[in-house]
Structures are given as structure tokens and as C-alpha cells.
Amino acid sequence: MGSLSMCRVVGTRTVQIFLPDGTDIAKIYIVDEEYGARQPRSMSVRAYLDAGMTGEEVVRHMLSVVSASLEQVAHLDTH
């Protein structure tokens, strides 16, 4: 498979999900234009892989979930 990485800009933040080749631990990186990089988070994706998802599907799903969460936080911060 090879390592996989996807990123998306959400408001003032850039989210990157990285899944190294041969592992079941994904890294979540978030960089904010205003405050800089945050401490990366690690998450086991074994359950997703065991359920039959490809590495690309896992990374795409995680990117979607993290992005949606950041959008909700940004929406709450404006109210």
C-alpha cells in the first residue's frame, strides 16, 4: 500500500491525516494560521481496517470527521 496522507483547509486551520505504510496508527496534524501547529494526535485505525476499509477510505473518513468537528467548533466560536 504505501503511506497515505490527505489534507484539507478548514477556516484558518489546515488538517492533515497521515497513515504510515504497514501500521494501523494514523496521525492527525492540525495547524492554525494564528496559533501555529498543535500537538499531533495518534489514533488506532485497526477497527476500520478489520472492517474491510482500505487505507485510503480510512484516511478520507478521518479527514471528513476531523474537518466536520473543526467546522462545528468554528461555528460555535462565532456565536
PDB file of N, CA and C in Angstrom:
ATOM      1  N   MET A   1       0.827  -1.166   0.000  1.00  0.00           N
ATOM      2  CA  MET A   1       0.000   0.000   0.000  1.00  0.00           C
ATOM      3  C   MET A   1       0.878   1.238   0.000  1.00  0.00           C
ATOM      4  N   GLY A   2       1.778   1.565   0.761  1.00  0.00           N
ATOM      5  CA  GLY A   2       2.471   2.846   0.795  1.00  0.00           C
ATOM      6  C   GLY A   2       1.798   3.788   1.777  1.00  0.00           C
ATOM      7  N   SER A   3       2.543   4.746   2.261  1.00  0.00           N
ATOM      8  CA  SER A   3       1.993   5.725   3.195  1.00  0.00           C
ATOM      9  C   SER A   3       0.953   6.587   2.501  1.00  0.00           C
ATOM     10  N   LEU A   4      -0.050   6.996   3.264  1.00  0.00           N
ATOM     11  CA  LEU A   4      -1.128   7.828   2.735  1.00  0.00           C
ATOM     12  C   LEU A   4      -1.227   9.111   3.545  1.00  0.00           C
ATOM     13  N   SER A   5      -1.538  10.195   2.859  1.00  0.00           N
ATOM     14  CA  SER A   5      -1.711  11.476   3.523  1.00  0.00           C
ATOM     15  C   SER A   5      -2.730  12.293   2.741  1.00  0.00           C
ATOM     16  N   MET A   6      -3.630  12.941   3.466  1.00  0.00           N
ATOM     17  CA  MET A   6      -4.601  13.849   2.859  1.00  0.00           C
ATOM     18  C   MET A   6      -4.730  15.055   3.770  1.00  0.00           C
ATOM     19  N   CYS A   7      -4.994  16.213   3.157  1.00  0.00           N
ATOM     20  CA  CYS A   7      -5.194  17.406   3.977  1.00  0.00           C
ATOM     21  C   CYS A   7      -6.328  18.244   3.416  1.00  0.00           C
ATOM     22  N   ARG A   8      -6.837  19.107   4.284  1.00  0.00           N
ATOM     23  CA  ARG A   8      -7.958  19.984   3.933  1.00  0.00           C
ATOM     24  C   ARG A   8      -7.839  21.254   4.767  1.00  0.00           C
ATOM     25  N   VAL A   9      -8.193  22.366   4.158  1.00  0.00           N
ATOM     26  CA  VAL A   9      -8.226  23.644   4.868  1.00  0.00           C
ATOM     27  C   VAL A   9      -9.636  23.847   5.400  1.00  0.00           C
ATOM     28  N   VAL A  10      -9.718  24.134   6.706  1.00  0.00           N
ATOM     29  CA  VAL A  10     -10.999  24.384   7.371  1.00  0.00           C
ATOM     30  C   VAL A  10     -10.875  25.726   8.080  1.00  0.00           C
ATOM     31  N   GLY A  11     -11.421  26.755   7.471  1.00  0.00           N
ATOM     32  CA  GLY A  11     -11.296  28.094   8.051  1.00  0.00           C
ATOM     33  C   GLY A  11      -9.843  28.523   8.091  1.00  0.00           C
ATOM     34  N   THR A  12      -9.337  28.792   9.284  1.00  0.00           N
ATOM     35  CA  THR A  12      -7.936  29.202   9.451  1.00  0.00           C
ATOM     36  C   THR A  12      -7.034  28.028   9.796  1.00  0.00           C
ATOM     37  N   ARG A  13      -7.573  26.830   9.738  1.00  0.00           N
ATOM     38  CA  ARG A  13      -6.801  25.641  10.117  1.00  0.00           C
ATOM     39  C   ARG A  13      -6.585  24.724   8.917  1.00  0.00           C
ATOM     40  N   THR A  14      -5.440  24.059   8.927  1.00  0.00           N
ATOM     41  CA  THR A  14      -5.159  23.015   7.948  1.00  0.00           C
ATOM     42  C   THR A  14      -5.085  21.702   8.705  1.00  0.00           C
ATOM     43  N   VAL A  15      -5.834  20.720   8.235  1.00  0.00           N
ATOM     44  CA  VAL A  15      -5.875  19.394   8.857  1.00  0.00           C
ATOM     45  C   VAL A  15      -5.162  18.419   7.934  1.00  0.00           C
ATOM     46  N   GLN A  16      -4.276  17.608   8.493  1.00  0.00           N
ATOM     47  CA  GLN A  16      -3.624  16.557   7.726  1.00  0.00           C
ATOM     48  C   GLN A  16      -3.774  15.243   8.474  1.00  0.00           C
ATOM     49  N   ILE A  17      -4.158  14.209   7.737  1.00  0.00           N
ATOM     50  CA  ILE A  17      -4.215  12.854   8.275  1.00  0.00           C
ATOM     51  C   ILE A  17      -3.119  12.066   7.578  1.00  0.00           C
ATOM     52  N   PHE A  18      -2.294  11.379   8.347  1.00  0.00           N
ATOM     53  CA  PHE A  18      -1.176  10.617   7.805  1.00  0.00           C
ATOM     54  C   PHE A  18      -1.246   9.189   8.324  1.00  0.00           C
ATOM     55  N   LEU A  19      -1.244   8.227   7.419  1.00  0.00           N
ATOM     56  CA  LEU A  19      -1.245   6.805   7.771  1.00  0.00           C
ATOM     57  C   LEU A  19       0.013   6.178   7.183  1.00  0.00           C
ATOM     58  N   PRO A  20       1.030   5.928   8.041  1.00  0.00           N
ATOM     59  CA  PRO A  20       2.269   5.333   7.541  1.00  0.00           C
ATOM     60  C   PRO A  20       2.041   3.912   7.023  1.00  0.00           C
ATOM     61  N   ASP A  21       2.809   3.537   6.024  1.00  0.00           N
ATOM     62  CA  ASP A  21       2.724   2.206   5.442  1.00  0.00           C
ATOM     63  C   ASP A  21       3.004   1.137   6.495  1.00  0.00           C
ATOM     64  N   GLY A  22       2.166   0.122   6.514  1.00  0.00           N
ATOM     65  CA  GLY A  22       2.390  -1.023   7.390  1.00  0.00           C
ATOM     66  C   GLY A  22       1.980  -0.823   8.833  1.00  0.00           C
ATOM     67  N   THR A  23       1.295   0.266   9.146  1.00  0.00           N
ATOM     68  CA  THR A  23       0.853   0.487  10.523  1.00  0.00           C
ATOM     69  C   THR A  23      -0.661   0.641  10.564  1.00  0.00           C
ATOM     70  N   ASP A  24      -1.186   0.555  11.764  1.00  0.00           N
ATOM     71  CA  ASP A  24      -2.616   0.793  11.952  1.00  0.00           C
ATOM     72  C   ASP A  24      -2.839   1.983  12.889  1.00  0.00           C
ATOM     73  N   ILE A  25      -1.847   2.870  12.928  1.00  0.00           N
ATOM     74  CA  ILE A  25      -1.931   4.084  13.741  1.00  0.00           C
ATOM     75  C   ILE A  25      -1.845   5.291  12.812  1.00  0.00           C
ATOM     76  N   ALA A  26      -2.896   6.083  12.783  1.00  0.00           N
ATOM     77  CA  ALA A  26      -2.917   7.297  11.968  1.00  0.00           C
ATOM     78  C   ALA A  26      -2.535   8.492  12.833  1.00  0.00           C
ATOM     79  N   LYS A  27      -1.912   9.467  12.215  1.00  0.00           N
ATOM     80  CA  LYS A  27      -1.554  10.715  12.889  1.00  0.00           C
ATOM     81  C   LYS A  27      -2.456  11.824  12.371  1.00  0.00           C
ATOM     82  N   ILE A  28      -2.918  12.661  13.287  1.00  0.00           N
ATOM     83  CA  ILE A  28      -3.762  13.803  12.945  1.00  0.00           C
ATOM     84  C   ILE A  28      -2.969  15.066  13.285  1.00  0.00           C
ATOM     85  N   TYR A  29      -2.714  15.869  12.263  1.00  0.00           N
ATOM     86  CA  TYR A  29      -1.988  17.122  12.437  1.00  0.00           C
ATOM     87  C   TYR A  29      -2.939  18.280  12.153  1.00  0.00           C
ATOM     88  N   ILE A  30      -2.906  19.288  13.014  1.00  0.00           N
ATOM     89  CA  ILE A  30      -3.716  20.488  12.816  1.00  0.00           C
ATOM     90  C   ILE A  30      -2.804  21.700  12.977  1.00  0.00           C
ATOM     91  N   VAL A  31      -2.809  22.562  11.964  1.00  0.00           N
ATOM     92  CA  VAL A  31      -2.024  23.794  12.004  1.00  0.00           C
ATOM     93  C   VAL A  31      -2.988  24.957  11.849  1.00  0.00           C
ATOM     94  N   ASP A  32      -2.898  25.902  12.760  1.00  0.00           N
ATOM     95  CA  ASP A  32      -3.749  27.088  12.747  1.00  0.00           C
ATOM     96  C   ASP A  32      -2.917  28.272  12.268  1.00  0.00           C
ATOM     97  N   GLU A  33      -3.461  29.061  11.345  1.00  0.00           N
ATOM     98  CA  GLU A  33      -2.746  30.237  10.834  1.00  0.00           C
ATOM     99  C   GLU A  33      -2.344  31.183  11.956  1.00  0.00           C
ATOM    100  N   GLU A  34      -3.198  31.292  12.957  1.00  0.00           N
ATOM    101  CA  GLU A  34      -2.974  32.255  14.032  1.00  0.00           C
ATOM    102  C   GLU A  34      -2.062  31.713  15.134  1.00  0.00           C
ATOM    103  N   TYR A  35      -2.245  30.451  15.506  1.00  0.00           N
ATOM    104  CA  TYR A  35      -1.538  29.891  16.661  1.00  0.00           C
ATOM    105  C   TYR A  35      -0.467  28.874  16.311  1.00  0.00           C
ATOM    106  N   GLY A  36      -0.339  28.494  15.063  1.00  0.00           N
ATOM    107  CA  GLY A  36       0.684  27.541  14.656  1.00  0.00           C
ATOM    108  C   GLY A  36       0.235  26.099  14.822  1.00  0.00           C
ATOM    109  N   ALA A  37       1.220  25.213  14.874  1.00  0.00           N
ATOM    110  CA  ALA A  37       0.941  23.778  14.927  1.00  0.00           C
ATOM    111  C   ALA A  37       0.514  23.350  16.320  1.00  0.00           C
ATOM    112  N   ARG A  38      -0.427  22.442  16.347  1.00  0.00           N
ATOM    113  CA  ARG A  38      -0.846  21.831  17.609  1.00  0.00           C
ATOM    114  C   ARG A  38      -0.130  20.494  17.753  1.00  0.00           C
ATOM    115  N   GLN A  39      -0.137  19.956  18.952  1.00  0.00           N
ATOM    116  CA  GLN A  39       0.459  18.644  19.195  1.00  0.00           C
ATOM    117  C   GLN A  39      -0.285  17.608  18.349  1.00  0.00           C
ATOM    118  N   PRO A  40       0.437  16.806  17.544  1.00  0.00           N
ATOM    119  CA  PRO A  40      -0.260  15.797  16.736  1.00  0.00           C
ATOM    120  C   PRO A  40      -0.925  14.737  17.616  1.00  0.00           C
ATOM    121  N   ARG A  41      -2.004  14.197  17.132  1.00  0.00           N
ATOM    122  CA  ARG A  41      -2.730  13.135  17.833  1.00  0.00           C
ATOM    123  C   ARG A  41      -2.547  11.832  17.074  1.00  0.00           C
ATOM    124  N   SER A  42      -2.536  10.736  17.799  1.00  0.00           N
ATOM    125  CA  SER A  42      -2.458   9.410  17.189  1.00  0.00           C
ATOM    126  C   SER A  42      -3.753   8.673  17.459  1.00  0.00           C
ATOM    127  N   MET A  43      -4.162   7.879  16.481  1.00  0.00           N
ATOM    128  CA  MET A  43      -5.403   7.121  16.632  1.00  0.00           C
ATOM    129  C   MET A  43      -5.256   5.765  15.953  1.00  0.00           C
ATOM    130  N   SER A  44      -5.643   4.725  16.667  1.00  0.00           N
ATOM    131  CA  SER A  44      -5.651   3.396  16.064  1.00  0.00           C
ATOM    132  C   SER A  44      -6.789   3.309  15.056  1.00  0.00           C
ATOM    133  N   VAL A  45      -6.476   2.782  13.886  1.00  0.00           N
ATOM    134  CA  VAL A  45      -7.494   2.608  12.848  1.00  0.00           C
ATOM    135  C   VAL A  45      -7.712   1.122  12.549  1.00  0.00           C
ATOM    136  N   ARG A  46      -7.229   0.269  13.446  1.00  0.00           N
ATOM    137  CA  ARG A  46      -7.328  -1.178  13.251  1.00  0.00           C
ATOM    138  C   ARG A  46      -8.777  -1.609  13.020  1.00  0.00           C
ATOM    139  N   ALA A  47      -9.719  -1.071  13.778  1.00  0.00           N
ATOM    140  CA  ALA A  47     -11.130  -1.468  13.633  1.00  0.00           C
ATOM    141  C   ALA A  47     -11.645  -1.165  12.230  1.00  0.00           C
ATOM    142  N   TYR A  48     -11.252  -0.022  11.679  1.00  0.00           N
ATOM    143  CA  TYR A  48     -11.664   0.333  10.315  1.00  0.00           C
ATOM    144  C   TYR A  48     -11.070  -0.636   9.298  1.00  0.00           C
ATOM    145  N   LEU A  49      -9.781  -0.929   9.456  1.00  0.00           N
ATOM    146  CA  LEU A  49      -9.114  -1.838   8.525  1.00  0.00           C
ATOM    147  C   LEU A  49      -9.683  -3.245   8.634  1.00  0.00           C
ATOM    148  N   ASP A  50      -9.944  -3.686   9.869  1.00  0.00           N
ATOM    149  CA  ASP A  50     -10.538  -5.015  10.072  1.00  0.00           C
ATOM    150  C   ASP A  50     -11.943  -5.100   9.485  1.00  0.00           C
ATOM    151  N   ALA A  51     -12.628  -3.963   9.407  1.00  0.00           N
ATOM    152  CA  ALA A  51     -13.983  -3.929   8.837  1.00  0.00           C
ATOM    153  C   ALA A  51     -13.955  -3.943   7.310  1.00  0.00           C
ATOM    154  N   GLY A  52     -12.760  -3.912   6.737  1.00  0.00           N
ATOM    155  CA  GLY A  52     -12.638  -4.012   5.290  1.00  0.00           C
ATOM    156  C   GLY A  52     -12.384  -2.711   4.558  1.00  0.00           C
ATOM    157  N   MET A  53     -12.243  -1.609   5.298  1.00  0.00           N
ATOM    158  CA  MET A  53     -11.958  -0.331   4.641  1.00  0.00           C
ATOM    159  C   MET A  53     -10.514  -0.322   4.153  1.00  0.00           C
ATOM    160  N   THR A  54     -10.282   0.305   3.012  1.00  0.00           N
ATOM    161  CA  THR A  54      -8.918   0.472   2.529  1.00  0.00           C
ATOM    162  C   THR A  54      -8.256   1.605   3.307  1.00  0.00           C
ATOM    163  N   GLY A  55      -6.936   1.673   3.230  1.00  0.00           N
ATOM    164  CA  GLY A  55      -6.232   2.762   3.884  1.00  0.00           C
ATOM    165  C   GLY A  55      -6.712   4.115   3.402  1.00  0.00           C
ATOM    166  N   GLU A  56      -6.957   4.229   2.101  1.00  0.00           N
ATOM    167  CA  GLU A  56      -7.443   5.499   1.549  1.00  0.00           C
ATOM    168  C   GLU A  56      -8.824   5.851   2.098  1.00  0.00           C
ATOM    169  N   GLU A  57      -9.692   4.865   2.214  1.00  0.00           N
ATOM    170  CA  GLU A  57     -11.028   5.113   2.775  1.00  0.00           C
ATOM    171  C   GLU A  57     -10.939   5.558   4.227  1.00  0.00           C
ATOM    172  N   VAL A  58     -10.028   4.947   4.974  1.00  0.00           N
ATOM    173  CA  VAL A  58      -9.846   5.306   6.383  1.00  0.00           C
ATOM    174  C   VAL A  58      -9.380   6.754   6.505  1.00  0.00           C
ATOM    175  N   VAL A  59      -8.359   7.112   5.735  1.00  0.00           N
ATOM    176  CA  VAL A  59      -7.815   8.470   5.800  1.00  0.00           C
ATOM    177  C   VAL A  59      -8.869   9.487   5.368  1.00  0.00           C
ATOM    178  N   ARG A  60      -9.597   9.182   4.306  1.00  0.00           N
ATOM    179  CA  ARG A  60     -10.647  10.088   3.822  1.00  0.00           C
ATOM    180  C   ARG A  60     -11.741  10.262   4.889  1.00  0.00           C
ATOM    181  N   HIS A  61     -12.135   9.153   5.542  1.00  0.00           N
ATOM    182  CA  HIS A  61     -13.161   9.213   6.590  1.00  0.00           C
ATOM    183  C   HIS A  61     -12.675  10.051   7.773  1.00  0.00           C
ATOM    184  N   MET A  62     -11.451   9.806   8.222  1.00  0.00           N
ATOM    185  CA  MET A  62     -10.915  10.569   9.349  1.00  0.00           C
ATOM    186  C   MET A  62     -10.830  12.057   9.019  1.00  0.00           C
ATOM    187  N   LEU A  63     -10.405  12.373   7.804  1.00  0.00           N
ATOM    188  CA  LEU A  63     -10.316  13.768   7.390  1.00  0.00           C
ATOM    189  C   LEU A  63     -11.692  14.425   7.417  1.00  0.00           C
ATOM    190  N   SER A  64     -12.692  13.696   6.984  1.00  0.00           N
ATOM    191  CA  SER A  64     -14.061  14.210   6.984  1.00  0.00           C
ATOM    192  C   SER A  64     -14.555  14.469   8.404  1.00  0.00           C
ATOM    193  N   VAL A  65     -14.320  13.525   9.305  1.00  0.00           N
ATOM    194  CA  VAL A  65     -14.785  13.653  10.692  1.00  0.00           C
ATOM    195  C   VAL A  65     -14.072  14.804  11.411  1.00  0.00           C
ATOM    196  N   VAL A  66     -12.754  14.870  11.279  1.00  0.00           N
ATOM    197  CA  VAL A  66     -11.999  15.934  11.948  1.00  0.00           C
ATOM    198  C   VAL A  66     -12.390  17.298  11.377  1.00  0.00           C
ATOM    199  N   SER A  67     -12.538  17.376  10.065  1.00  0.00           N
ATOM    200  CA  SER A  67     -12.933  18.640   9.433  1.00  0.00           C
ATOM    201  C   SER A  67     -14.307  19.090   9.908  1.00  0.00           C
ATOM    202  N   ALA A  68     -15.253  18.164   9.970  1.00  0.00           N
ATOM    203  CA  ALA A  68     -16.602  18.500  10.440  1.00  0.00           C
ATOM    204  C   ALA A  68     -16.561  18.989  11.886  1.00  0.00           C
ATOM    205  N   SER A  69     -15.742  18.366  12.713  1.00  0.00           N
ATOM    206  CA  SER A  69     -15.615  18.788  14.111  1.00  0.00           C
ATOM    207  C   SER A  69     -15.062  20.205  14.204  1.00  0.00           C
ATOM    208  N   LEU A  70     -14.038  20.501  13.418  1.00  0.00           N
ATOM    209  CA  LEU A  70     -13.458  21.843  13.435  1.00  0.00           C
ATOM    210  C   LEU A  70     -14.444  22.885  12.922  1.00  0.00           C
ATOM    211  N   GLU A  71     -15.242  22.522  11.921  1.00  0.00           N
ATOM    212  CA  GLU A  71     -16.265  23.444  11.417  1.00  0.00           C
ATOM    213  C   GLU A  71     -17.302  23.747  12.495  1.00  0.00           C
ATOM    214  N   GLN A  72     -17.689  22.731  13.271  1.00  0.00           N
ATOM    215  CA  GLN A  72     -18.650  22.941  14.355  1.00  0.00           C
ATOM    216  C   GLN A  72     -18.070  23.845  15.432  1.00  0.00           C
ATOM    217  N   VAL A  73     -16.810  23.624  15.787  1.00  0.00           N
ATOM    218  CA  VAL A  73     -16.158  24.462  16.793  1.00  0.00           C
ATOM    219  C   VAL A  73     -16.080  25.904  16.298  1.00  0.00           C
ATOM    220  N   ALA A  74     -15.712  26.089  15.040  1.00  0.00           N
ATOM    221  CA  ALA A  74     -15.632  27.440  14.476  1.00  0.00           C
ATOM    222  C   ALA A  74     -16.999  28.108  14.490  1.00  0.00           C
ATOM    223  N   HIS A  75     -18.033  27.352  14.192  1.00  0.00           N
ATOM    224  CA  HIS A  75     -19.395  27.897  14.200  1.00  0.00           C
ATOM    225  C   HIS A  75     -19.801  28.315  15.615  1.00  0.00           C
ATOM    226  N   LEU A  76     -19.462  27.499  16.606  1.00  0.00           N
ATOM    227  CA  LEU A  76     -19.792  27.827  17.995  1.00  0.00           C
ATOM    228  C   LEU A  76     -19.018  29.050  18.477  1.00  0.00           C
ATOM    229  N   ASP A  77     -17.768  29.185  18.017  1.00  0.00           N
ATOM    230  CA  ASP A  77     -16.942  30.325  18.425  1.00  0.00           C
ATOM    231  C   ASP A  77     -17.469  31.647  17.895  1.00  0.00           C
ATOM    232  N   THR A  78     -18.235  31.608  16.808  1.00  0.00           N
ATOM    233  CA  THR A  78     -18.746  32.850  16.226  1.00  0.00           C
ATOM    234  C   THR A  78     -20.069  33.273  16.842  1.00  0.00           C
ATOM    235  N   HIS A  79     -20.626  32.448  17.701  1.00  0.00           N
ATOM    236  CA  HIS A  79     -21.918  32.779  18.326  1.00  0.00           C
ATOM    237  C   HIS A  79     -21.767  33.065  19.795  1.00  0.00           C
TER     238      HIS A  79
END
